[in-house]
Each structure stands twice: as structure tokens, then as C-alpha cells.
N, C-alpha and C. Protein backbone atom coordinates (compact mmCIF):
# COMPACT_ATOMS: atom_id res chain seq x y z
N UNK A 1 51.44 125.00 202.34
CA UNK A 1 51.90 124.40 203.58
C UNK A 1 50.89 124.72 204.68
N UNK A 2 50.55 123.72 205.43
CA UNK A 2 49.58 123.90 206.51
C UNK A 2 50.24 123.60 207.86
N UNK A 3 50.07 124.48 208.78
CA UNK A 3 50.51 124.35 210.17
C UNK A 3 51.88 123.68 210.29
N UNK A 4 52.89 124.45 210.05
CA UNK A 4 54.24 123.95 210.21
C UNK A 4 54.45 123.50 211.64
N UNK A 5 55.05 122.37 211.79
CA UNK A 5 55.35 121.86 213.14
C UNK A 5 56.47 122.69 213.76
N UNK A 6 56.34 122.96 215.03
CA UNK A 6 57.40 123.68 215.75
C UNK A 6 58.66 122.83 215.73
N UNK A 7 59.79 123.44 215.40
CA UNK A 7 61.03 122.67 215.32
C UNK A 7 61.84 122.72 216.61
N UNK A 8 61.45 123.60 217.53
CA UNK A 8 62.09 123.62 218.84
C UNK A 8 61.11 124.19 219.86
N UNK A 9 61.52 124.21 221.12
CA UNK A 9 60.62 124.65 222.20
C UNK A 9 60.33 126.15 222.16
N UNK A 10 61.09 126.91 221.38
CA UNK A 10 60.89 128.35 221.31
C UNK A 10 59.84 128.76 220.29
N UNK A 11 59.41 127.82 219.45
CA UNK A 11 58.41 128.11 218.44
C UNK A 11 57.03 127.66 218.89
N UNK A 12 56.02 128.45 218.57
CA UNK A 12 54.64 128.12 218.91
C UNK A 12 54.07 127.17 217.86
N UNK A 13 53.38 126.15 218.31
CA UNK A 13 52.66 125.24 217.41
C UNK A 13 51.28 125.85 217.19
N UNK A 14 51.00 126.31 215.96
CA UNK A 14 49.75 127.01 215.65
C UNK A 14 48.51 126.12 215.77
N UNK A 15 48.69 124.83 215.84
CA UNK A 15 47.56 123.91 215.96
C UNK A 15 47.06 123.79 217.40
N UNK A 16 47.94 123.89 218.36
CA UNK A 16 47.60 123.69 219.78
C UNK A 16 46.51 124.66 220.23
N UNK A 17 45.44 124.09 220.78
CA UNK A 17 44.31 124.87 221.27
C UNK A 17 43.24 125.11 220.22
N UNK A 18 43.50 124.74 218.97
CA UNK A 18 42.55 124.97 217.89
C UNK A 18 42.15 123.66 217.20
N UNK A 19 42.48 122.54 217.80
CA UNK A 19 42.24 121.24 217.19
C UNK A 19 40.77 120.96 216.90
N UNK A 20 39.86 121.56 217.67
CA UNK A 20 38.42 121.31 217.51
C UNK A 20 37.72 122.41 216.71
N UNK A 21 38.46 123.29 216.09
CA UNK A 21 37.88 124.39 215.32
C UNK A 21 37.72 124.00 213.85
N UNK A 22 36.75 124.57 213.16
CA UNK A 22 36.60 124.27 211.74
C UNK A 22 37.76 124.84 210.93
N UNK A 23 38.09 124.16 209.86
CA UNK A 23 39.11 124.61 208.91
C UNK A 23 38.43 125.51 207.89
N UNK A 24 38.88 126.74 207.80
CA UNK A 24 38.34 127.70 206.84
C UNK A 24 39.39 127.93 205.77
N UNK A 25 38.97 127.85 204.52
CA UNK A 25 39.88 128.13 203.40
C UNK A 25 39.28 129.29 202.63
N UNK A 26 40.08 130.33 202.44
CA UNK A 26 39.63 131.51 201.70
C UNK A 26 40.55 131.73 200.51
N UNK A 27 40.03 132.42 199.49
CA UNK A 27 40.91 132.87 198.43
C UNK A 27 41.74 134.00 199.03
N UNK A 28 42.82 134.37 198.38
CA UNK A 28 43.69 135.39 198.97
C UNK A 28 42.99 136.74 199.10
N UNK A 29 41.87 136.92 198.43
CA UNK A 29 41.08 138.14 198.59
C UNK A 29 40.17 138.10 199.80
N UNK A 30 40.07 136.95 200.48
CA UNK A 30 39.29 136.82 201.70
C UNK A 30 37.95 136.14 201.57
N UNK A 31 37.53 135.81 200.35
CA UNK A 31 36.25 135.13 200.17
C UNK A 31 36.35 133.68 200.61
N UNK A 32 35.39 133.23 201.42
CA UNK A 32 35.38 131.85 201.92
C UNK A 32 35.17 130.88 200.77
N UNK A 33 36.08 129.91 200.65
CA UNK A 33 35.98 128.87 199.64
C UNK A 33 35.36 127.62 200.23
N UNK A 34 35.82 127.26 201.44
CA UNK A 34 35.27 126.07 202.08
C UNK A 34 35.41 126.15 203.59
N UNK A 35 34.52 125.40 204.25
CA UNK A 35 34.55 125.26 205.72
C UNK A 35 34.41 123.78 206.00
N UNK A 36 35.37 123.22 206.74
CA UNK A 36 35.36 121.80 207.06
C UNK A 36 35.40 121.63 208.58
N UNK A 37 34.42 120.92 209.10
CA UNK A 37 34.39 120.66 210.54
C UNK A 37 35.53 119.71 210.90
N UNK A 38 36.04 119.80 212.12
CA UNK A 38 37.15 118.93 212.51
C UNK A 38 36.71 117.47 212.62
N UNK A 39 37.65 116.55 212.44
CA UNK A 39 37.33 115.14 212.68
C UNK A 39 36.97 114.93 214.16
N UNK A 40 36.38 113.81 214.47
CA UNK A 40 35.93 113.53 215.84
C UNK A 40 37.02 113.72 216.88
N UNK A 41 38.23 113.33 216.58
CA UNK A 41 39.33 113.47 217.53
C UNK A 41 40.07 114.78 217.44
N UNK A 42 39.60 115.68 216.58
CA UNK A 42 40.26 116.97 216.40
C UNK A 42 41.32 116.89 215.30
N UNK A 43 41.70 118.06 214.81
CA UNK A 43 42.71 118.12 213.75
C UNK A 43 44.08 117.70 214.26
N UNK A 44 44.81 117.03 213.42
CA UNK A 44 46.22 116.75 213.65
C UNK A 44 46.97 117.37 212.47
N UNK A 45 48.27 117.47 212.58
CA UNK A 45 49.06 117.99 211.47
C UNK A 45 48.83 117.14 210.21
N UNK A 46 48.78 115.84 210.38
CA UNK A 46 48.62 114.94 209.25
C UNK A 46 47.27 115.12 208.58
N UNK A 47 46.21 115.25 209.39
CA UNK A 47 44.87 115.42 208.81
C UNK A 47 44.76 116.74 208.06
N UNK A 48 45.38 117.79 208.58
CA UNK A 48 45.35 119.08 207.88
C UNK A 48 46.13 119.01 206.58
N UNK A 49 47.23 118.28 206.59
CA UNK A 49 48.02 118.12 205.36
C UNK A 49 47.24 117.33 204.31
N UNK A 50 46.39 116.39 204.74
CA UNK A 50 45.63 115.55 203.83
C UNK A 50 44.29 116.17 203.39
N UNK A 51 43.91 117.29 204.01
CA UNK A 51 42.64 117.93 203.65
C UNK A 51 42.68 118.40 202.19
N UNK A 52 41.52 118.64 201.62
CA UNK A 52 41.42 119.09 200.24
C UNK A 52 41.53 120.61 200.17
N UNK A 53 42.42 121.08 199.30
CA UNK A 53 42.63 122.50 199.10
C UNK A 53 42.54 122.80 197.61
N UNK A 54 42.15 124.03 197.25
CA UNK A 54 42.03 124.37 195.84
C UNK A 54 43.36 124.19 195.11
N UNK A 55 43.28 123.67 193.91
CA UNK A 55 44.48 123.48 193.11
C UNK A 55 44.65 124.58 192.07
N UNK A 56 43.57 125.29 191.76
CA UNK A 56 43.60 126.25 190.67
C UNK A 56 43.63 127.71 191.10
N UNK A 57 43.76 127.97 192.40
CA UNK A 57 43.85 129.35 192.86
C UNK A 57 44.62 129.43 194.18
N UNK A 58 45.14 130.61 194.45
CA UNK A 58 45.86 130.83 195.71
C UNK A 58 44.85 130.87 196.86
N UNK A 59 45.26 130.39 198.02
CA UNK A 59 44.35 130.33 199.16
C UNK A 59 45.11 130.52 200.47
N UNK A 60 44.36 130.84 201.52
CA UNK A 60 44.84 130.92 202.89
C UNK A 60 43.98 129.99 203.72
N UNK A 61 44.57 129.40 204.77
CA UNK A 61 43.84 128.50 205.65
C UNK A 61 43.87 129.02 207.08
N UNK A 62 42.74 128.83 207.76
CA UNK A 62 42.57 129.30 209.13
C UNK A 62 41.87 128.22 209.94
N UNK A 63 42.03 128.28 211.26
CA UNK A 63 41.26 127.43 212.15
C UNK A 63 40.39 128.30 213.02
N UNK A 64 39.09 128.06 212.98
CA UNK A 64 38.13 128.77 213.82
C UNK A 64 37.66 130.08 213.23
N UNK A 65 38.55 131.03 213.08
CA UNK A 65 38.20 132.33 212.50
C UNK A 65 39.34 132.76 211.58
N UNK A 66 39.08 133.77 210.79
CA UNK A 66 40.13 134.27 209.91
C UNK A 66 41.18 135.08 210.67
N UNK A 67 41.11 135.06 211.98
CA UNK A 67 42.15 135.69 212.80
C UNK A 67 43.26 134.69 213.14
N UNK A 68 43.00 133.39 212.95
CA UNK A 68 44.00 132.37 213.30
C UNK A 68 44.51 131.67 212.04
N UNK A 69 45.40 132.37 211.33
CA UNK A 69 46.00 131.86 210.10
C UNK A 69 46.91 130.68 210.40
N UNK A 70 46.81 129.62 209.58
CA UNK A 70 47.68 128.46 209.81
C UNK A 70 48.47 128.07 208.58
N UNK A 71 48.16 128.63 207.43
CA UNK A 71 48.93 128.26 206.25
C UNK A 71 48.37 128.87 204.99
N UNK A 72 49.09 128.62 203.89
CA UNK A 72 48.75 129.23 202.63
C UNK A 72 49.35 128.45 201.48
N UNK A 73 48.77 128.60 200.32
CA UNK A 73 49.37 128.01 199.12
C UNK A 73 50.60 128.80 198.70
N UNK A 74 50.77 129.98 199.25
CA UNK A 74 51.87 130.86 198.88
C UNK A 74 53.10 130.71 199.77
N UNK A 75 53.07 129.83 200.74
CA UNK A 75 54.21 129.67 201.66
C UNK A 75 55.23 128.76 201.02
């Protein structure tokens, strides 16, 4: 699951403010698997959902740096 949409005003949308950051995908051990630059208009929830992610291993996804986690294959 990538960047769950906020379901109410009390939840933070993890995408806001990071739309122009590269998408980093790491294995769960932290090794970088891929880096994808944002589309011209910036990331949207739909574009992140449609991005390519590893199918044969567990992974974590971040925007910009590995300090801004946005999702995982384990969620």
C-alpha cells in the first residue's frame, strides 16, 4: 500500500509537500532498489499506486529521503 489517503481532517496526508520528491524503494533491509523521479506535475496518489514495485521481495517506499516513509509491501 502506498500513501494511504487521509480519511478525515485529523489525519495527515503523507503525500502533501512531497509531490516533487523522487520515489525511493528499498528492500526491508534498507538497500536501495529503485529511484524514480516524479512526473512533471508531481506525484499523485494514483500515480504512486500505479508505479512499479518489486513483486518478489518485501520493500518500503519513501519520498525524497528514507526519513519520509509512505508505504510498504508489508502493510
